[in-house]
Amino acid sequence: MQKKPLIETNPHLATTAQYRKALVTNVASSTAIETGASVESIARLLTESRKASAVKKTGHSPR
């Protein structure tokens, strides 16, 4: 008998939005336990999209 992956058999993982929300909640709660920060603040950091700021090259050594 061939086993199906969990993502195919679990109805909570069927839609990408539900899966993403559950993943963020899981990671945020685990991180909150380890760091002492609030779950909400960590979840907000995980879900907000960030643009990488451009690094300005000056040609000089930082030392």
PDB file of N, CA and C in Angstrom:
ATOM      1  N   MET A   1       0.829  -1.177   0.000  1.00  0.00           N
ATOM      2  CA  MET A   1       0.000   0.000   0.000  1.00  0.00           C
ATOM      3  C   MET A   1       0.881   1.251   0.000  1.00  0.00           C
ATOM      4  N   GLN A   2       0.610   2.136  -0.926  1.00  0.00           N
ATOM      5  CA  GLN A   2       1.392   3.358  -1.037  1.00  0.00           C
ATOM      6  C   GLN A   2       0.849   4.409  -0.075  1.00  0.00           C
ATOM      7  N   LYS A   3       1.736   5.028   0.666  1.00  0.00           N
ATOM      8  CA  LYS A   3       1.334   6.053   1.628  1.00  0.00           C
ATOM      9  C   LYS A   3       1.276   7.411   0.938  1.00  0.00           C
ATOM     10  N   LYS A   4       0.239   8.180   1.275  1.00  0.00           N
ATOM     11  CA  LYS A   4       0.108   9.528   0.739  1.00  0.00           C
ATOM     12  C   LYS A   4       0.764  10.506   1.710  1.00  0.00           C
ATOM     13  N   PRO A   5       1.317  11.594   1.192  1.00  0.00           N
ATOM     14  CA  PRO A   5       1.887  12.593   2.087  1.00  0.00           C
ATOM     15  C   PRO A   5       0.792  13.266   2.920  1.00  0.00           C
ATOM     16  N   LEU A   6       1.171  13.756   4.068  1.00  0.00           N
ATOM     17  CA  LEU A   6       0.232  14.393   4.987  1.00  0.00           C
ATOM     18  C   LEU A   6      -0.496  15.566   4.340  1.00  0.00           C
ATOM     19  N   ILE A   7       0.181  16.299   3.501  1.00  0.00           N
ATOM     20  CA  ILE A   7      -0.438  17.468   2.865  1.00  0.00           C
ATOM     21  C   ILE A   7      -1.612  17.074   1.963  1.00  0.00           C
ATOM     22  N   GLU A   8      -1.616  15.846   1.480  1.00  0.00           N
ATOM     23  CA  GLU A   8      -2.717  15.367   0.638  1.00  0.00           C
ATOM     24  C   GLU A   8      -3.875  14.788   1.448  1.00  0.00           C
ATOM     25  N   THR A   9      -3.604  14.341   2.658  1.00  0.00           N
ATOM     26  CA  THR A   9      -4.642  13.681   3.450  1.00  0.00           C
ATOM     27  C   THR A   9      -5.248  14.573   4.534  1.00  0.00           C
ATOM     28  N   ASN A  10      -4.561  15.614   4.938  1.00  0.00           N
ATOM     29  CA  ASN A  10      -5.044  16.486   5.993  1.00  0.00           C
ATOM     30  C   ASN A  10      -5.851  17.635   5.382  1.00  0.00           C
ATOM     31  N   PRO A  11      -7.144  17.739   5.690  1.00  0.00           N
ATOM     32  CA  PRO A  11      -7.973  18.792   5.087  1.00  0.00           C
ATOM     33  C   PRO A  11      -7.564  20.200   5.521  1.00  0.00           C
ATOM     34  N   HIS A  12      -6.904  20.331   6.658  1.00  0.00           N
ATOM     35  CA  HIS A  12      -6.470  21.652   7.125  1.00  0.00           C
ATOM     36  C   HIS A  12      -5.298  22.187   6.315  1.00  0.00           C
ATOM     37  N   LEU A  13      -4.634  21.323   5.598  1.00  0.00           N
ATOM     38  CA  LEU A  13      -3.497  21.738   4.781  1.00  0.00           C
ATOM     39  C   LEU A  13      -3.855  21.865   3.304  1.00  0.00           C
ATOM     40  N   ALA A  14      -5.121  21.672   2.978  1.00  0.00           N
ATOM     41  CA  ALA A  14      -5.546  21.634   1.578  1.00  0.00           C
ATOM     42  C   ALA A  14      -5.390  22.979   0.883  1.00  0.00           C
ATOM     43  N   THR A  15      -5.735  24.057   1.570  1.00  0.00           N
ATOM     44  CA  THR A  15      -5.607  25.368   0.943  1.00  0.00           C
ATOM     45  C   THR A  15      -4.332  26.048   1.415  1.00  0.00           C
ATOM     46  N   THR A  16      -3.687  26.728   0.520  1.00  0.00           N
ATOM     47  CA  THR A  16      -2.417  27.375   0.817  1.00  0.00           C
ATOM     48  C   THR A  16      -2.558  28.422   1.914  1.00  0.00           C
ATOM     49  N   ALA A  17      -3.640  29.183   1.902  1.00  0.00           N
ATOM     50  CA  ALA A  17      -3.825  30.238   2.893  1.00  0.00           C
ATOM     51  C   ALA A  17      -3.947  29.649   4.300  1.00  0.00           C
ATOM     52  N   GLN A  18      -4.720  28.586   4.448  1.00  0.00           N
ATOM     53  CA  GLN A  18      -4.864  27.948   5.758  1.00  0.00           C
ATOM     54  C   GLN A  18      -3.542  27.342   6.225  1.00  0.00           C
ATOM     55  N   TYR A  19      -2.837  26.727   5.302  1.00  0.00           N
ATOM     56  CA  TYR A  19      -1.548  26.122   5.621  1.00  0.00           C
ATOM     57  C   TYR A  19      -0.564  27.184   6.085  1.00  0.00           C
ATOM     58  N   ARG A  20      -0.497  28.284   5.353  1.00  0.00           N
ATOM     59  CA  ARG A  20       0.432  29.370   5.692  1.00  0.00           C
ATOM     60  C   ARG A  20       0.097  29.963   7.059  1.00  0.00           C
ATOM     61  N   LYS A  21      -1.190  30.189   7.321  1.00  0.00           N
ATOM     62  CA  LYS A  21      -1.617  30.756   8.596  1.00  0.00           C
ATOM     63  C   LYS A  21      -1.248  29.820   9.751  1.00  0.00           C
ATOM     64  N   ALA A  22      -1.493  28.529   9.585  1.00  0.00           N
ATOM     65  CA  ALA A  22      -1.159  27.554  10.620  1.00  0.00           C
ATOM     66  C   ALA A  22       0.346  27.475  10.850  1.00  0.00           C
ATOM     67  N   LEU A  23       1.113  27.550   9.783  1.00  0.00           N
ATOM     68  CA  LEU A  23       2.565  27.503   9.896  1.00  0.00           C
ATOM     69  C   LEU A  23       3.093  28.718  10.654  1.00  0.00           C
ATOM     70  N   VAL A  24       2.602  29.898  10.311  1.00  0.00           N
ATOM     71  CA  VAL A  24       3.030  31.127  10.993  1.00  0.00           C
ATOM     72  C   VAL A  24       2.659  31.067  12.471  1.00  0.00           C
ATOM     73  N   THR A  25       1.455  30.604  12.790  1.00  0.00           N
ATOM     74  CA  THR A  25       1.021  30.495  14.177  1.00  0.00           C
ATOM     75  C   THR A  25       1.913  29.528  14.946  1.00  0.00           C
ATOM     76  N   ASN A  26       2.228  28.405  14.334  1.00  0.00           N
ATOM     77  CA  ASN A  26       3.068  27.405  14.977  1.00  0.00           C
ATOM     78  C   ASN A  26       4.466  27.950  15.250  1.00  0.00           C
ATOM     79  N   VAL A  27       5.075  28.559  14.262  1.00  0.00           N
ATOM     80  CA  VAL A  27       6.428  29.100  14.419  1.00  0.00           C
ATOM     81  C   VAL A  27       6.427  30.246  15.423  1.00  0.00           C
ATOM     82  N   ALA A  28       5.418  31.113  15.350  1.00  0.00           N
ATOM     83  CA  ALA A  28       5.349  32.259  16.261  1.00  0.00           C
ATOM     84  C   ALA A  28       5.189  31.816  17.708  1.00  0.00           C
ATOM     85  N   SER A  29       4.347  30.820  17.949  1.00  0.00           N
ATOM     86  CA  SER A  29       4.143  30.381  19.329  1.00  0.00           C
ATOM     87  C   SER A  29       5.393  29.686  19.874  1.00  0.00           C
ATOM     88  N   SER A  30       6.053  28.909  19.062  1.00  0.00           N
ATOM     89  CA  SER A  30       7.286  28.254  19.504  1.00  0.00           C
ATOM     90  C   SER A  30       8.378  29.276  19.783  1.00  0.00           C
ATOM     91  N   THR A  31       8.489  30.269  18.914  1.00  0.00           N
ATOM     92  CA  THR A  31       9.489  31.314  19.095  1.00  0.00           C
ATOM     93  C   THR A  31       9.179  32.152  20.328  1.00  0.00           C
ATOM     94  N   ALA A  32       7.904  32.424  20.579  1.00  0.00           N
ATOM     95  CA  ALA A  32       7.507  33.206  21.745  1.00  0.00           C
ATOM     96  C   ALA A  32       7.900  32.495  23.038  1.00  0.00           C
ATOM     97  N   ILE A  33       7.756  31.196  23.073  1.00  0.00           N
ATOM     98  CA  ILE A  33       8.144  30.429  24.253  1.00  0.00           C
ATOM     99  C   ILE A  33       9.645  30.558  24.493  1.00  0.00           C
ATOM    100  N   GLU A  34      10.418  30.496  23.427  1.00  0.00           N
ATOM    101  CA  GLU A  34      11.875  30.552  23.555  1.00  0.00           C
ATOM    102  C   GLU A  34      12.400  31.953  23.857  1.00  0.00           C
ATOM    103  N   THR A  35      11.760  32.982  23.305  1.00  0.00           N
ATOM    104  CA  THR A  35      12.295  34.339  23.420  1.00  0.00           C
ATOM    105  C   THR A  35      11.591  35.204  24.453  1.00  0.00           C
ATOM    106  N   GLY A  36      10.355  34.868  24.792  1.00  0.00           N
ATOM    107  CA  GLY A  36       9.599  35.688  25.727  1.00  0.00           C
ATOM    108  C   GLY A  36       8.829  36.811  25.052  1.00  0.00           C
ATOM    109  N   ALA A  37       8.956  36.942  23.744  1.00  0.00           N
ATOM    110  CA  ALA A  37       8.206  37.961  23.003  1.00  0.00           C
ATOM    111  C   ALA A  37       6.766  37.479  22.817  1.00  0.00           C
ATOM    112  N   SER A  38       5.869  38.402  22.456  1.00  0.00           N
ATOM    113  CA  SER A  38       4.474  38.007  22.269  1.00  0.00           C
ATOM    114  C   SER A  38       4.291  37.273  20.939  1.00  0.00           C
ATOM    115  N   VAL A  39       3.339  36.368  20.919  1.00  0.00           N
ATOM    116  CA  VAL A  39       3.033  35.606  19.715  1.00  0.00           C
ATOM    117  C   VAL A  39       2.607  36.551  18.594  1.00  0.00           C
ATOM    118  N   GLU A  40       1.793  37.550  18.941  1.00  0.00           N
ATOM    119  CA  GLU A  40       1.282  38.482  17.939  1.00  0.00           C
ATOM    120  C   GLU A  40       2.407  39.263  17.266  1.00  0.00           C
ATOM    121  N   SER A  41       3.383  39.719  18.057  1.00  0.00           N
ATOM    122  CA  SER A  41       4.470  40.506  17.463  1.00  0.00           C
ATOM    123  C   SER A  41       5.332  39.644  16.539  1.00  0.00           C
ATOM    124  N   ILE A  42       5.560  38.410  16.925  1.00  0.00           N
ATOM    125  CA  ILE A  42       6.356  37.516  16.084  1.00  0.00           C
ATOM    126  C   ILE A  42       5.592  37.160  14.813  1.00  0.00           C
ATOM    127  N   ALA A  43       4.300  36.889  14.941  1.00  0.00           N
ATOM    128  CA  ALA A  43       3.485  36.575  13.768  1.00  0.00           C
ATOM    129  C   ALA A  43       3.459  37.753  12.806  1.00  0.00           C
ATOM    130  N   ARG A  44       3.379  38.956  13.344  1.00  0.00           N
ATOM    131  CA  ARG A  44       3.380  40.154  12.498  1.00  0.00           C
ATOM    132  C   ARG A  44       4.701  40.272  11.735  1.00  0.00           C
ATOM    133  N   LEU A  45       5.815  39.992  12.418  1.00  0.00           N
ATOM    134  CA  LEU A  45       7.120  40.037  11.755  1.00  0.00           C
ATOM    135  C   LEU A  45       7.243  38.979  10.660  1.00  0.00           C
ATOM    136  N   LEU A  46       6.650  37.827  10.901  1.00  0.00           N
ATOM    137  CA  LEU A  46       6.729  36.749   9.911  1.00  0.00           C
ATOM    138  C   LEU A  46       5.856  37.008   8.685  1.00  0.00           C
ATOM    139  N   THR A  47       4.765  37.736   8.870  1.00  0.00           N
ATOM    140  CA  THR A  47       3.828  37.906   7.757  1.00  0.00           C
ATOM    141  C   THR A  47       4.028  39.193   6.969  1.00  0.00           C
ATOM    142  N   GLU A  48       4.654  40.190   7.566  1.00  0.00           N
ATOM    143  CA  GLU A  48       4.831  41.425   6.798  1.00  0.00           C
ATOM    144  C   GLU A  48       5.915  41.230   5.756  1.00  0.00           C
ATOM    145  N   SER A  49       5.632  41.713   4.578  1.00  0.00           N
ATOM    146  CA  SER A  49       6.610  41.555   3.506  1.00  0.00           C
ATOM    147  C   SER A  49       7.649  42.656   3.626  1.00  0.00           C
ATOM    148  N   ARG A  50       8.865  42.263   3.461  1.00  0.00           N
ATOM    149  CA  ARG A  50       9.964  43.216   3.577  1.00  0.00           C
ATOM    150  C   ARG A  50      10.698  43.314   2.256  1.00  0.00           C
ATOM    151  N   LYS A  51      11.147  44.505   1.980  1.00  0.00           N
ATOM    152  CA  LYS A  51      12.037  44.699   0.843  1.00  0.00           C
ATOM    153  C   LYS A  51      13.435  44.879   1.411  1.00  0.00           C
ATOM    154  N   ALA A  52      14.366  44.220   0.810  1.00  0.00           N
ATOM    155  CA  ALA A  52      15.739  44.374   1.260  1.00  0.00           C
ATOM    156  C   ALA A  52      16.218  45.766   0.884  1.00  0.00           C
ATOM    157  N   SER A  53      16.781  46.449   1.834  1.00  0.00           N
ATOM    158  CA  SER A  53      17.280  47.782   1.536  1.00  0.00           C
ATOM    159  C   SER A  53      18.582  47.662   0.761  1.00  0.00           C
ATOM    160  N   ALA A  54      18.765  48.579  -0.139  1.00  0.00           N
ATOM    161  CA  ALA A  54      19.958  48.561  -0.976  1.00  0.00           C
ATOM    162  C   ALA A  54      21.177  48.915  -0.135  1.00  0.00           C
ATOM    163  N   VAL A  55      22.255  48.213  -0.381  1.00  0.00           N
ATOM    164  CA  VAL A  55      23.497  48.493   0.319  1.00  0.00           C
ATOM    165  C   VAL A  55      24.258  49.517  -0.491  1.00  0.00           C
ATOM    166  N   LYS A  56      24.607  50.589   0.166  1.00  0.00           N
ATOM    167  CA  LYS A  56      25.322  51.664  -0.516  1.00  0.00           C
ATOM    168  C   LYS A  56      26.813  51.379  -0.469  1.00  0.00           C
ATOM    169  N   LYS A  57      27.417  51.254  -1.626  1.00  0.00           N
ATOM    170  CA  LYS A  57      28.838  50.996  -1.692  1.00  0.00           C
ATOM    171  C   LYS A  57      29.574  52.342  -1.733  1.00  0.00           C
ATOM    172  N   THR A  58      30.535  52.496  -0.830  1.00  0.00           N
ATOM    173  CA  THR A  58      31.279  53.747  -0.794  1.00  0.00           C
ATOM    174  C   THR A  58      32.672  53.597  -1.372  1.00  0.00           C
ATOM    175  N   GLY A  59      33.144  52.352  -1.464  1.00  0.00           N
ATOM    176  CA  GLY A  59      34.492  52.137  -1.974  1.00  0.00           C
ATOM    177  C   GLY A  59      35.536  52.241  -0.894  1.00  0.00           C
ATOM    178  N   HIS A  60      35.112  52.573   0.323  1.00  0.00           N
ATOM    179  CA  HIS A  60      36.045  52.695   1.447  1.00  0.00           C
ATOM    180  C   HIS A  60      35.884  51.486   2.358  1.00  0.00           C
ATOM    181  N   SER A  61      36.970  51.141   3.001  1.00  0.00           N
ATOM    182  CA  SER A  61      36.936  50.063   3.972  1.00  0.00           C
ATOM    183  C   SER A  61      36.196  50.530   5.218  1.00  0.00           C
ATOM    184  N   PRO A  62      35.423  49.658   5.861  1.00  0.00           N
ATOM    185  CA  PRO A  62      34.701  50.077   7.063  1.00  0.00           C
ATOM    186  C   PRO A  62      35.610  50.272   8.277  1.00  0.00           C
ATOM    187  N   ARG A  63      36.870  49.941   8.173  1.00  0.00           N
ATOM    188  CA  ARG A  63      37.798  50.101   9.312  1.00  0.00           C
ATOM    189  C   ARG A  63      38.412  51.451   9.353  1.00  0.00           C
TER     190      ARG A  63
END
